[in-house]
Amino acid sequence: RIDAGGTGTHYADSVEGRFTISRDNAKNTLYLQMNSLTTEDTALYYCA
């Protein structure tokens, strides 16, 4: 999750250190950068 202003971020233990959430409020866009992917990351990913 990411705070409205984009300054506070939190992660599940399973992705901590590998994934980075960010947002560009000027572009109304949310991002998820995923690195060091493993087979256990296979999933349907939703923003909410």
ModelCIF file with pLDDT and N, C-alpha, C, O atoms, coordinates in Angstrom:
data_MODEL
#
_entry.id   MODEL 
#
_entity.id                         1 
_entity.type                       polymer 
_entity.pdbx_number_of_molecules   1 
#
_entity_poly.entity_id                      1 
_entity_poly.type                           'polypeptide(L)' 
_entity_poly.nstd_linkage                   no 
_entity_poly.nstd_monomer                   no 
_entity_poly.pdbx_seq_one_letter_code       RIDAGGTGTHYADSVEGRFTISRDNAKNTLYLQMNSLTTEDTALYYCA 
_entity_poly.pdbx_seq_one_letter_code_can   RIDAGGTGTHYADSVEGRFTISRDNAKNTLYLQMNSLTTEDTALYYCA 
_entity_poly.pdbx_strand_id                 A 
#
loop_
_entity_poly_seq.entity_id 
_entity_poly_seq.num 
_entity_poly_seq.mon_id 
_entity_poly_seq.hetero 
1 1  ARG n 
1 2  ILE n 
1 3  ASP n 
1 4  ALA n 
1 5  GLY n 
1 6  GLY n 
1 7  THR n 
1 8  GLY n 
1 9  THR n 
1 10 HIS n 
1 11 TYR n 
1 12 ALA n 
1 13 ASP n 
1 14 SER n 
1 15 VAL n 
1 16 GLU n 
1 17 GLY n 
1 18 ARG n 
1 19 PHE n 
1 20 THR n 
1 21 ILE n 
1 22 SER n 
1 23 ARG n 
1 24 ASP n 
1 25 ASN n 
1 26 ALA n 
1 27 LYS n 
1 28 ASN n 
1 29 THR n 
1 30 LEU n 
1 31 TYR n 
1 32 LEU n 
1 33 GLN n 
1 34 MET n 
1 35 ASN n 
1 36 SER n 
1 37 LEU n 
1 38 THR n 
1 39 THR n 
1 40 GLU n 
1 41 ASP n 
1 42 THR n 
1 43 ALA n 
1 44 LEU n 
1 45 TYR n 
1 46 TYR n 
1 47 CYS n 
1 48 ALA n 
#
_struct_asym.id          A 
_struct_asym.entity_id   1 
#
loop_
_ma_qa_metric.id 
_ma_qa_metric.mode 
_ma_qa_metric.name 
_ma_qa_metric.software_group_id 
_ma_qa_metric.type 
1 global pLDDT . pLDDT 
2 local  pLDDT . pLDDT 
#
_ma_qa_metric_global.metric_id      1 
_ma_qa_metric_global.metric_value   97.92 
_ma_qa_metric_global.model_id       1 
_ma_qa_metric_global.ordinal_id     1 
#
loop_
_ma_qa_metric_local.label_asym_id 
_ma_qa_metric_local.label_comp_id 
_ma_qa_metric_local.label_seq_id 
_ma_qa_metric_local.metric_id 
_ma_qa_metric_local.metric_value 
_ma_qa_metric_local.model_id 
_ma_qa_metric_local.ordinal_id 
A ARG 1  2 98.00 1 1  
A ILE 2  2 98.00 1 2  
A ASP 3  2 98.00 1 3  
A ALA 4  2 97.00 1 4  
A GLY 5  2 97.00 1 5  
A GLY 6  2 97.00 1 6  
A THR 7  2 96.00 1 7  
A GLY 8  2 98.00 1 8  
A THR 9  2 98.00 1 9  
A HIS 10 2 98.00 1 10 
A TYR 11 2 98.00 1 11 
A ALA 12 2 98.00 1 12 
A ASP 13 2 98.00 1 13 
A SER 14 2 98.00 1 14 
A VAL 15 2 98.00 1 15 
A GLU 16 2 98.00 1 16 
A GLY 17 2 98.00 1 17 
A ARG 18 2 98.00 1 18 
A PHE 19 2 98.00 1 19 
A THR 20 2 98.00 1 20 
A ILE 21 2 98.00 1 21 
A SER 22 2 98.00 1 22 
A ARG 23 2 98.00 1 23 
A ASP 24 2 98.00 1 24 
A ASN 25 2 98.00 1 25 
A ALA 26 2 98.00 1 26 
A LYS 27 2 98.00 1 27 
A ASN 28 2 98.00 1 28 
A THR 29 2 98.00 1 29 
A LEU 30 2 98.00 1 30 
A TYR 31 2 99.00 1 31 
A LEU 32 2 99.00 1 32 
A GLN 33 2 98.00 1 33 
A MET 34 2 98.00 1 34 
A ASN 35 2 98.00 1 35 
A SER 36 2 98.00 1 36 
A LEU 37 2 98.00 1 37 
A THR 38 2 98.00 1 38 
A THR 39 2 98.00 1 39 
A GLU 40 2 97.00 1 40 
A ASP 41 2 98.00 1 41 
A THR 42 2 98.00 1 42 
A ALA 43 2 98.00 1 43 
A LEU 44 2 98.00 1 44 
A TYR 45 2 98.00 1 45 
A TYR 46 2 98.00 1 46 
A CYS 47 2 98.00 1 47 
A ALA 48 2 98.00 1 48 
#
loop_
_atom_site.group_PDB 
_atom_site.id 
_atom_site.type_symbol 
_atom_site.label_atom_id 
_atom_site.label_alt_id 
_atom_site.label_comp_id 
_atom_site.label_asym_id 
_atom_site.label_entity_id 
_atom_site.label_seq_id 
_atom_site.pdbx_PDB_ins_code 
_atom_site.Cartn_x 
_atom_site.Cartn_y 
_atom_site.Cartn_z 
_atom_site.occupancy 
_atom_site.B_iso_or_equiv 
_atom_site.pdbx_formal_charge 
_atom_site.auth_seq_id 
_atom_site.auth_comp_id 
_atom_site.auth_asym_id 
_atom_site.auth_atom_id 
_atom_site.pdbx_PDB_model_num 
ATOM 1   N N  . ARG A 1 1  ? 0.834  -1.193  0.000   1.00 98.00 ? 1  ARG A N  1 
ATOM 2   C CA . ARG A 1 1  ? 0.000  0.000   0.000   1.00 98.00 ? 1  ARG A CA 1 
ATOM 3   C C  . ARG A 1 1  ? 0.869  1.243   0.000   1.00 98.00 ? 1  ARG A C  1 
ATOM 4   O O  . ARG A 1 1  ? 2.044  1.202   0.363   1.00 98.00 ? 1  ARG A O  1 
ATOM 5   N N  . ILE A 1 2  ? 0.273  2.339   -0.411  1.00 98.00 ? 2  ILE A N  1 
ATOM 6   C CA . ILE A 1 2  ? 0.971  3.610   -0.467  1.00 98.00 ? 2  ILE A CA 1 
ATOM 7   C C  . ILE A 1 2  ? 0.033  4.718   -0.008  1.00 98.00 ? 2  ILE A C  1 
ATOM 8   O O  . ILE A 1 2  ? -1.140 4.744   -0.378  1.00 98.00 ? 2  ILE A O  1 
ATOM 9   N N  . ASP A 1 3  ? 0.558  5.627   0.799   1.00 98.00 ? 3  ASP A N  1 
ATOM 10  C CA . ASP A 1 3  ? -0.234 6.747   1.284   1.00 98.00 ? 3  ASP A CA 1 
ATOM 11  C C  . ASP A 1 3  ? -0.648 7.647   0.128   1.00 98.00 ? 3  ASP A C  1 
ATOM 12  O O  . ASP A 1 3  ? -0.072 7.601   -0.959  1.00 98.00 ? 3  ASP A O  1 
ATOM 13  N N  . ALA A 1 4  ? -1.657 8.462   0.390   1.00 97.00 ? 4  ALA A N  1 
ATOM 14  C CA . ALA A 1 4  ? -2.205 9.315   -0.662  1.00 97.00 ? 4  ALA A CA 1 
ATOM 15  C C  . ALA A 1 4  ? -1.148 10.222  -1.283  1.00 97.00 ? 4  ALA A C  1 
ATOM 16  O O  . ALA A 1 4  ? -1.129 10.419  -2.498  1.00 97.00 ? 4  ALA A O  1 
ATOM 17  N N  . GLY A 1 5  ? -0.273 10.771  -0.451  1.00 97.00 ? 5  GLY A N  1 
ATOM 18  C CA . GLY A 1 5  ? 0.753  11.671  -0.943  1.00 97.00 ? 5  GLY A CA 1 
ATOM 19  C C  . GLY A 1 5  ? 1.977  10.990  -1.521  1.00 97.00 ? 5  GLY A C  1 
ATOM 20  O O  . GLY A 1 5  ? 2.841  11.654  -2.095  1.00 97.00 ? 5  GLY A O  1 
ATOM 21  N N  . GLY A 1 6  ? 2.064  9.676   -1.379  1.00 97.00 ? 6  GLY A N  1 
ATOM 22  C CA . GLY A 1 6  ? 3.177  8.930   -1.938  1.00 97.00 ? 6  GLY A CA 1 
ATOM 23  C C  . GLY A 1 6  ? 4.409  8.850   -1.059  1.00 97.00 ? 6  GLY A C  1 
ATOM 24  O O  . GLY A 1 6  ? 5.450  8.364   -1.501  1.00 97.00 ? 6  GLY A O  1 
ATOM 25  N N  . THR A 1 7  ? 4.311  9.321   0.189   1.00 96.00 ? 7  THR A N  1 
ATOM 26  C CA . THR A 1 7  ? 5.479  9.353   1.063   1.00 96.00 ? 7  THR A CA 1 
ATOM 27  C C  . THR A 1 7  ? 5.605  8.150   1.986   1.00 96.00 ? 7  THR A C  1 
ATOM 28  O O  . THR A 1 7  ? 6.692  7.883   2.496   1.00 96.00 ? 7  THR A O  1 
ATOM 29  N N  . GLY A 1 8  ? 4.517  7.417   2.212   1.00 98.00 ? 8  GLY A N  1 
ATOM 30  C CA . GLY A 1 8  ? 4.551  6.259   3.083   1.00 98.00 ? 8  GLY A CA 1 
ATOM 31  C C  . GLY A 1 8  ? 4.190  4.995   2.332   1.00 98.00 ? 8  GLY A C  1 
ATOM 32  O O  . GLY A 1 8  ? 3.158  4.937   1.664   1.00 98.00 ? 8  GLY A O  1 
ATOM 33  N N  . THR A 1 9  ? 5.041  3.976   2.438   1.00 98.00 ? 9  THR A N  1 
ATOM 34  C CA . THR A 1 9  ? 4.809  2.711   1.746   1.00 98.00 ? 9  THR A CA 1 
ATOM 35  C C  . THR A 1 9  ? 4.951  1.544   2.712   1.00 98.00 ? 9  THR A C  1 
ATOM 36  O O  . THR A 1 9  ? 5.719  1.612   3.672   1.00 98.00 ? 9  THR A O  1 
ATOM 37  N N  . HIS A 1 10 ? 4.199  0.464   2.451   1.00 98.00 ? 10 HIS A N  1 
ATOM 38  C CA . HIS A 1 10 ? 4.244  -0.738  3.273   1.00 98.00 ? 10 HIS A CA 1 
ATOM 39  C C  . HIS A 1 10 ? 4.107  -1.961  2.386   1.00 98.00 ? 10 HIS A C  1 
ATOM 40  O O  . HIS A 1 10 ? 3.457  -1.915  1.341   1.00 98.00 ? 10 HIS A O  1 
ATOM 41  N N  . TYR A 1 11 ? 4.732  -3.071  2.817   1.00 98.00 ? 11 TYR A N  1 
ATOM 42  C CA . TYR A 1 11 ? 4.809  -4.267  1.994   1.00 98.00 ? 11 TYR A CA 1 
ATOM 43  C C  . TYR A 1 11 ? 4.538  -5.528  2.802   1.00 98.00 ? 11 TYR A C  1 
ATOM 44  O O  . TYR A 1 11 ? 4.824  -5.594  3.998   1.00 98.00 ? 11 TYR A O  1 
ATOM 45  N N  . ALA A 1 12 ? 3.981  -6.529  2.123   1.00 98.00 ? 12 ALA A N  1 
ATOM 46  C CA . ALA A 1 12 ? 3.894  -7.856  2.701   1.00 98.00 ? 12 ALA A CA 1 
ATOM 47  C C  . ALA A 1 12 ? 5.295  -8.436  2.853   1.00 98.00 ? 12 ALA A C  1 
ATOM 48  O O  . ALA A 1 12 ? 6.192  -8.121  2.071   1.00 98.00 ? 12 ALA A O  1 
ATOM 49  N N  . ASP A 1 13 ? 5.478  -9.288  3.868   1.00 98.00 ? 13 ASP A N  1 
ATOM 50  C CA . ASP A 1 13 ? 6.789  -9.896  4.088   1.00 98.00 ? 13 ASP A CA 1 
ATOM 51  C C  . ASP A 1 13 ? 7.298  -10.641 2.857   1.00 98.00 ? 13 ASP A C  1 
ATOM 52  O O  . ASP A 1 13 ? 8.502  -10.680 2.603   1.00 98.00 ? 13 ASP A O  1 
ATOM 53  N N  . SER A 1 14 ? 6.393  -11.221 2.105   1.00 98.00 ? 14 SER A N  1 
ATOM 54  C CA . SER A 1 14 ? 6.768  -12.030 0.959   1.00 98.00 ? 14 SER A CA 1 
ATOM 55  C C  . SER A 1 14 ? 7.406  -11.235 -0.176  1.00 98.00 ? 14 SER A C  1 
ATOM 56  O O  . SER A 1 14 ? 8.083  -11.809 -1.030  1.00 98.00 ? 14 SER A O  1 
ATOM 57  N N  . VAL A 1 15 ? 7.196  -9.917  -0.193  1.00 98.00 ? 15 VAL A N  1 
ATOM 58  C CA . VAL A 1 15 ? 7.742  -9.096  -1.271  1.00 98.00 ? 15 VAL A CA 1 
ATOM 59  C C  . VAL A 1 15 ? 8.673  -7.998  -0.784  1.00 98.00 ? 15 VAL A C  1 
ATOM 60  O O  . VAL A 1 15 ? 9.292  -7.313  -1.599  1.00 98.00 ? 15 VAL A O  1 
ATOM 61  N N  . GLU A 1 16 ? 8.784  -7.819  0.511   1.00 98.00 ? 16 GLU A N  1 
ATOM 62  C CA . GLU A 1 16 ? 9.636  -6.778  1.081   1.00 98.00 ? 16 GLU A CA 1 
ATOM 63  C C  . GLU A 1 16 ? 11.059 -6.894  0.544   1.00 98.00 ? 16 GLU A C  1 
ATOM 64  O O  . GLU A 1 16 ? 11.652 -7.973  0.548   1.00 98.00 ? 16 GLU A O  1 
ATOM 65  N N  . GLY A 1 17 ? 11.590 -5.783  0.088   1.00 98.00 ? 17 GLY A N  1 
ATOM 66  C CA . GLY A 1 17 ? 12.945 -5.746  -0.438  1.00 98.00 ? 17 GLY A CA 1 
ATOM 67  C C  . GLY A 1 17 ? 13.052 -6.046  -1.914  1.00 98.00 ? 17 GLY A C  1 
ATOM 68  O O  . GLY A 1 17 ? 14.090 -5.794  -2.524  1.00 98.00 ? 17 GLY A O  1 
ATOM 69  N N  . ARG A 1 18 ? 11.991 -6.583  -2.500  1.00 98.00 ? 18 ARG A N  1 
ATOM 70  C CA . ARG A 1 18 ? 11.998 -6.915  -3.927  1.00 98.00 ? 18 ARG A CA 1 
ATOM 71  C C  . ARG A 1 18 ? 11.060 -6.042  -4.745  1.00 98.00 ? 18 ARG A C  1 
ATOM 72  O O  . ARG A 1 18 ? 11.343 -5.735  -5.903  1.00 98.00 ? 18 ARG A O  1 
ATOM 73  N N  . PHE A 1 19 ? 9.944  -5.643  -4.144  1.00 98.00 ? 19 PHE A N  1 
ATOM 74  C CA . PHE A 1 19 ? 8.940  -4.842  -4.840  1.00 98.00 ? 19 PHE A CA 1 
ATOM 75  C C  . PHE A 1 19 ? 8.973  -3.406  -4.322  1.00 98.00 ? 19 PHE A C  1 
ATOM 76  O O  . PHE A 1 19 ? 9.299  -3.160  -3.161  1.00 98.00 ? 19 PHE A O  1 
ATOM 77  N N  . THR A 1 20 ? 8.633  -2.470  -5.193  1.00 98.00 ? 20 THR A N  1 
ATOM 78  C CA . THR A 1 20 ? 8.540  -1.070  -4.822  1.00 98.00 ? 20 THR A CA 1 
ATOM 79  C C  . THR A 1 20 ? 7.250  -0.481  -5.369  1.00 98.00 ? 20 THR A C  1 
ATOM 80  O O  . THR A 1 20 ? 7.012  -0.495  -6.577  1.00 98.00 ? 20 THR A O  1 
ATOM 81  N N  . ILE A 1 21 ? 6.421  0.035   -4.474  1.00 98.00 ? 21 ILE A N  1 
ATOM 82  C CA . ILE A 1 21 ? 5.195  0.706   -4.888  1.00 98.00 ? 21 ILE A CA 1 
ATOM 83  C C  . ILE A 1 21 ? 5.468  2.204   -4.988  1.00 98.00 ? 21 ILE A C  1 
ATOM 84  O O  . ILE A 1 21 ? 6.212  2.761   -4.180  1.00 98.00 ? 21 ILE A O  1 
ATOM 85  N N  . SER A 1 22 ? 4.871  2.844   -5.970  1.00 98.00 ? 22 SER A N  1 
ATOM 86  C CA . SER A 1 22 ? 5.013  4.282   -6.129  1.00 98.00 ? 22 SER A CA 1 
ATOM 87  C C  . SER A 1 22 ? 3.782  4.827   -6.830  1.00 98.00 ? 22 SER A C  1 
ATOM 88  O O  . SER A 1 22 ? 2.949  4.068   -7.324  1.00 98.00 ? 22 SER A O  1 
ATOM 89  N N  . ARG A 1 23 ? 3.674  6.139   -6.870  1.00 98.00 ? 23 ARG A N  1 
ATOM 90  C CA . ARG A 1 23 ? 2.553  6.756   -7.570  1.00 98.00 ? 23 ARG A CA 1 
ATOM 91  C C  . ARG A 1 23 ? 2.971  8.102   -8.129  1.00 98.00 ? 23 ARG A C  1 
ATOM 92  O O  . ARG A 1 23 ? 3.876  8.754   -7.609  1.00 98.00 ? 23 ARG A O  1 
ATOM 93  N N  . ASP A 1 24 ? 2.305  8.502   -9.184  1.00 98.00 ? 24 ASP A N  1 
ATOM 94  C CA . ASP A 1 24 ? 2.482  9.813   -9.769  1.00 98.00 ? 24 ASP A CA 1 
ATOM 95  C C  . ASP A 1 24 ? 1.106  10.459  -9.775  1.00 98.00 ? 24 ASP A C  1 
ATOM 96  O O  . ASP A 1 24 ? 0.295  10.216  -10.669 1.00 98.00 ? 24 ASP A O  1 
ATOM 97  N N  . ASN A 1 25 ? 0.855  11.281  -8.771  1.00 98.00 ? 25 ASN A N  1 
ATOM 98  C CA . ASN A 1 25 ? -0.472 11.866  -8.632  1.00 98.00 ? 25 ASN A CA 1 
ATOM 99  C C  . ASN A 1 25 ? -0.813 12.830  -9.768  1.00 98.00 ? 25 ASN A C  1 
ATOM 100 O O  . ASN A 1 25 ? -1.985 13.009  -10.099 1.00 98.00 ? 25 ASN A O  1 
ATOM 101 N N  . ALA A 1 26 ? 0.194  13.442  -10.358 1.00 98.00 ? 26 ALA A N  1 
ATOM 102 C CA . ALA A 1 26 ? -0.047 14.327  -11.488 1.00 98.00 ? 26 ALA A CA 1 
ATOM 103 C C  . ALA A 1 26 ? -0.548 13.562  -12.707 1.00 98.00 ? 26 ALA A C  1 
ATOM 104 O O  . ALA A 1 26 ? -1.245 14.120  -13.554 1.00 98.00 ? 26 ALA A O  1 
ATOM 105 N N  . LYS A 1 27 ? -0.189 12.281  -12.792 1.00 98.00 ? 27 LYS A N  1 
ATOM 106 C CA . LYS A 1 27 ? -0.603 11.435  -13.908 1.00 98.00 ? 27 LYS A CA 1 
ATOM 107 C C  . LYS A 1 27 ? -1.713 10.460  -13.537 1.00 98.00 ? 27 LYS A C  1 
ATOM 108 O O  . LYS A 1 27 ? -2.135 9.661   -14.374 1.00 98.00 ? 27 LYS A O  1 
ATOM 109 N N  . ASN A 1 28 ? -2.194 10.512  -12.293 1.00 98.00 ? 28 ASN A N  1 
ATOM 110 C CA . ASN A 1 28 ? -3.233 9.598   -11.810 1.00 98.00 ? 28 ASN A CA 1 
ATOM 111 C C  . ASN A 1 28 ? -2.856 8.133   -12.052 1.00 98.00 ? 28 ASN A C  1 
ATOM 112 O O  . ASN A 1 28 ? -3.671 7.338   -12.518 1.00 98.00 ? 28 ASN A O  1 
ATOM 113 N N  . THR A 1 29 ? -1.617 7.799   -11.728 1.00 98.00 ? 29 THR A N  1 
ATOM 114 C CA . THR A 1 29 ? -1.111 6.465   -12.015 1.00 98.00 ? 29 THR A CA 1 
ATOM 115 C C  . THR A 1 29 ? -0.395 5.867   -10.809 1.00 98.00 ? 29 THR A C  1 
ATOM 116 O O  . THR A 1 29 ? 0.381  6.543   -10.135 1.00 98.00 ? 29 THR A O  1 
ATOM 117 N N  . LEU A 1 30 ? -0.664 4.599   -10.549 1.00 98.00 ? 30 LEU A N  1 
ATOM 118 C CA . LEU A 1 30 ? -0.021 3.801   -9.515  1.00 98.00 ? 30 LEU A CA 1 
ATOM 119 C C  . LEU A 1 30 ? 0.908  2.799   -10.187 1.00 98.00 ? 30 LEU A C  1 
ATOM 120 O O  . LEU A 1 30 ? 0.601  2.287   -11.263 1.00 98.00 ? 30 LEU A O  1 
ATOM 121 N N  . TYR A 1 31 ? 2.045  2.521   -9.554  1.00 99.00 ? 31 TYR A N  1 
ATOM 122 C CA . TYR A 1 31 ? 3.031  1.605   -10.123 1.00 99.00 ? 31 TYR A CA 1 
ATOM 123 C C  . TYR A 1 31 ? 3.441  0.532   -9.120  1.00 99.00 ? 31 TYR A C  1 
ATOM 124 O O  . TYR A 1 31 ? 3.342  0.724   -7.908  1.00 99.00 ? 31 TYR A O  1 
ATOM 125 N N  . LEU A 1 32 ? 3.902  -0.600  -9.648  1.00 99.00 ? 32 LEU A N  1 
ATOM 126 C CA . LEU A 1 32 ? 4.544  -1.626  -8.836  1.00 99.00 ? 32 LEU A CA 1 
ATOM 127 C C  . LEU A 1 32 ? 5.742  -2.154  -9.601  1.00 99.00 ? 32 LEU A C  1 
ATOM 128 O O  . LEU A 1 32 ? 5.591  -2.841  -10.611 1.00 99.00 ? 32 LEU A O  1 
ATOM 129 N N  . GLN A 1 33 ? 6.935  -1.831  -9.116  1.00 98.00 ? 33 GLN A N  1 
ATOM 130 C CA . GLN A 1 33 ? 8.162  -2.364  -9.684  1.00 98.00 ? 33 GLN A CA 1 
ATOM 131 C C  . GLN A 1 33 ? 8.484  -3.669  -8.981  1.00 98.00 ? 33 GLN A C  1 
ATOM 132 O O  . GLN A 1 33 ? 8.620  -3.697  -7.758  1.00 98.00 ? 33 GLN A O  1 
ATOM 133 N N  . MET A 1 34 ? 8.608  -4.751  -9.739  1.00 98.00 ? 34 MET A N  1 
ATOM 134 C CA . MET A 1 34 ? 8.850  -6.074  -9.189  1.00 98.00 ? 34 MET A CA 1 
ATOM 135 C C  . MET A 1 34 ? 10.199 -6.584  -9.683  1.00 98.00 ? 34 MET A C  1 
ATOM 136 O O  . MET A 1 34 ? 10.418 -6.722  -10.886 1.00 98.00 ? 34 MET A O  1 
ATOM 137 N N  . ASN A 1 35 ? 11.092 -6.861  -8.750  1.00 98.00 ? 35 ASN A N  1 
ATOM 138 C CA . ASN A 1 35 ? 12.421 -7.378  -9.071  1.00 98.00 ? 35 ASN A CA 1 
ATOM 139 C C  . ASN A 1 35 ? 12.626 -8.741  -8.427  1.00 98.00 ? 35 ASN A C  1 
ATOM 140 O O  . ASN A 1 35 ? 11.879 -9.137  -7.532  1.00 98.00 ? 35 ASN A O  1 
ATOM 141 N N  . SER A 1 36 ? 13.644 -9.451  -8.891  1.00 98.00 ? 36 SER A N  1 
ATOM 142 C CA . SER A 1 36 ? 14.002 -10.766 -8.346  1.00 98.00 ? 36 SER A CA 1 
ATOM 143 C C  . SER A 1 36 ? 12.789 -11.682 -8.242  1.00 98.00 ? 36 SER A C  1 
ATOM 144 O O  . SER A 1 36 ? 12.553 -12.305 -7.206  1.00 98.00 ? 36 SER A O  1 
ATOM 145 N N  . LEU A 1 37 ? 12.039 -11.753 -9.305  1.00 98.00 ? 37 LEU A N  1 
ATOM 146 C CA . LEU A 1 37 ? 10.790 -12.513 -9.298  1.00 98.00 ? 37 LEU A CA 1 
ATOM 147 C C  . LEU A 1 37 ? 11.040 -14.013 -9.174  1.00 98.00 ? 37 LEU A C  1 
ATOM 148 O O  . LEU A 1 37 ? 12.014 -14.543 -9.708  1.00 98.00 ? 37 LEU A O  1 
ATOM 149 N N  . THR A 1 38 ? 10.141 -14.682 -8.458  1.00 98.00 ? 38 THR A N  1 
ATOM 150 C CA . THR A 1 38 ? 10.174 -16.131 -8.310  1.00 98.00 ? 38 THR A CA 1 
ATOM 151 C C  . THR A 1 38 ? 8.856  -16.711 -8.792  1.00 98.00 ? 38 THR A C  1 
ATOM 152 O O  . THR A 1 38 ? 7.893  -15.982 -9.033  1.00 98.00 ? 38 THR A O  1 
ATOM 153 N N  . THR A 1 39 ? 8.822  -18.027 -8.931  1.00 98.00 ? 39 THR A N  1 
ATOM 154 C CA . THR A 1 39 ? 7.592  -18.672 -9.383  1.00 98.00 ? 39 THR A CA 1 
ATOM 155 C C  . THR A 1 39 ? 6.431  -18.427 -8.429  1.00 98.00 ? 39 THR A C  1 
ATOM 156 O O  . THR A 1 39 ? 5.272  -18.454 -8.844  1.00 98.00 ? 39 THR A O  1 
ATOM 157 N N  . GLU A 1 40 ? 6.730  -18.189 -7.163  1.00 97.00 ? 40 GLU A N  1 
ATOM 158 C CA . GLU A 1 40 ? 5.670  -17.936 -6.190  1.00 97.00 ? 40 GLU A CA 1 
ATOM 159 C C  . GLU A 1 40 ? 5.027  -16.562 -6.353  1.00 97.00 ? 40 GLU A C  1 
ATOM 160 O O  . GLU A 1 40 ? 4.018  -16.267 -5.713  1.00 97.00 ? 40 GLU A O  1 
ATOM 161 N N  . ASP A 1 41 ? 5.602  -15.729 -7.199  1.00 98.00 ? 41 ASP A N  1 
ATOM 162 C CA . ASP A 1 41 ? 4.996  -14.437 -7.504  1.00 98.00 ? 41 ASP A CA 1 
ATOM 163 C C  . ASP A 1 41 ? 3.960  -14.537 -8.619  1.00 98.00 ? 41 ASP A C  1 
ATOM 164 O O  . ASP A 1 41 ? 3.279  -13.557 -8.919  1.00 98.00 ? 41 ASP A O  1 
ATOM 165 N N  . THR A 1 42 ? 3.835  -15.695 -9.227  1.00 98.00 ? 42 THR A N  1 
ATOM 166 C CA . THR A 1 42 ? 2.846  -15.884 -10.280 1.00 98.00 ? 42 THR A CA 1 
ATOM 167 C C  . THR A 1 42 ? 1.444  -15.670 -9.716  1.00 98.00 ? 42 THR A C  1 
ATOM 168 O O  . THR A 1 42 ? 1.040  -16.339 -8.765  1.00 98.00 ? 42 THR A O  1 
ATOM 169 N N  . ALA A 1 43 ? 0.712  -14.737 -10.306 1.00 98.00 ? 43 ALA A N  1 
ATOM 170 C CA . ALA A 1 43 ? -0.613 -14.389 -9.797  1.00 98.00 ? 43 ALA A CA 1 
ATOM 171 C C  . ALA A 1 43 ? -1.264 -13.377 -10.723 1.00 98.00 ? 43 ALA A C  1 
ATOM 172 O O  . ALA A 1 43 ? -0.620 -12.805 -11.603 1.00 98.00 ? 43 ALA A O  1 
ATOM 173 N N  . LEU A 1 44 ? -2.547 -13.172 -10.505 1.00 98.00 ? 44 LEU A N  1 
ATOM 174 C CA . LEU A 1 44 ? -3.256 -12.064 -11.111 1.00 98.00 ? 44 LEU A CA 1 
ATOM 175 C C  . LEU A 1 44 ? -3.121 -10.882 -10.157 1.00 98.00 ? 44 LEU A C  1 
ATOM 176 O O  . LEU A 1 44 ? -3.499 -10.971 -8.989  1.00 98.00 ? 44 LEU A O  1 
ATOM 177 N N  . TYR A 1 45 ? -2.585 -9.785  -10.657 1.00 98.00 ? 45 TYR A N  1 
ATOM 178 C CA . TYR A 1 45 ? -2.317 -8.614  -9.825  1.00 98.00 ? 45 TYR A CA 1 
ATOM 179 C C  . TYR A 1 45 ? -3.363 -7.533  -10.058 1.00 98.00 ? 45 TYR A C  1 
ATOM 180 O O  . TYR A 1 45 ? -3.649 -7.160  -11.196 1.00 98.00 ? 45 TYR A O  1 
ATOM 181 N N  . TYR A 1 46 ? -3.924 -7.039  -8.969  1.00 98.00 ? 46 TYR A N  1 
ATOM 182 C CA . TYR A 1 46 ? -4.945 -6.002  -9.007  1.00 98.00 ? 46 TYR A CA 1 
ATOM 183 C C  . TYR A 1 46 ? -4.458 -4.745  -8.307  1.00 98.00 ? 46 TYR A C  1 
ATOM 184 O O  . TYR A 1 46 ? -3.740 -4.828  -7.310  1.00 98.00 ? 46 TYR A O  1 
ATOM 185 N N  . CYS A 1 47 ? -4.839 -3.590  -8.814  1.00 98.00 ? 47 CYS A N  1 
ATOM 186 C CA . CYS A 1 47 ? -4.762 -2.389  -7.997  1.00 98.00 ? 47 CYS A CA 1 
ATOM 187 C C  . CYS A 1 47 ? -6.136 -2.149  -7.400  1.00 98.00 ? 47 CYS A C  1 
ATOM 188 O O  . CYS A 1 47 ? -7.154 -2.498  -7.998  1.00 98.00 ? 47 CYS A O  1 
ATOM 189 N N  . ALA A 1 48 ? -6.158 -1.554  -6.225  1.00 98.00 ? 48 ALA A N  1 
ATOM 190 C CA . ALA A 1 48 ? -7.411 -1.341  -5.523  1.00 98.00 ? 48 ALA A CA 1 
ATOM 191 C C  . ALA A 1 48 ? -7.364 -0.032  -4.751  1.00 98.00 ? 48 ALA A C  1 
ATOM 192 O O  . ALA A 1 48 ? -8.337 0.328   -4.087  1.00 98.00 ? 48 ALA A O  1 
#
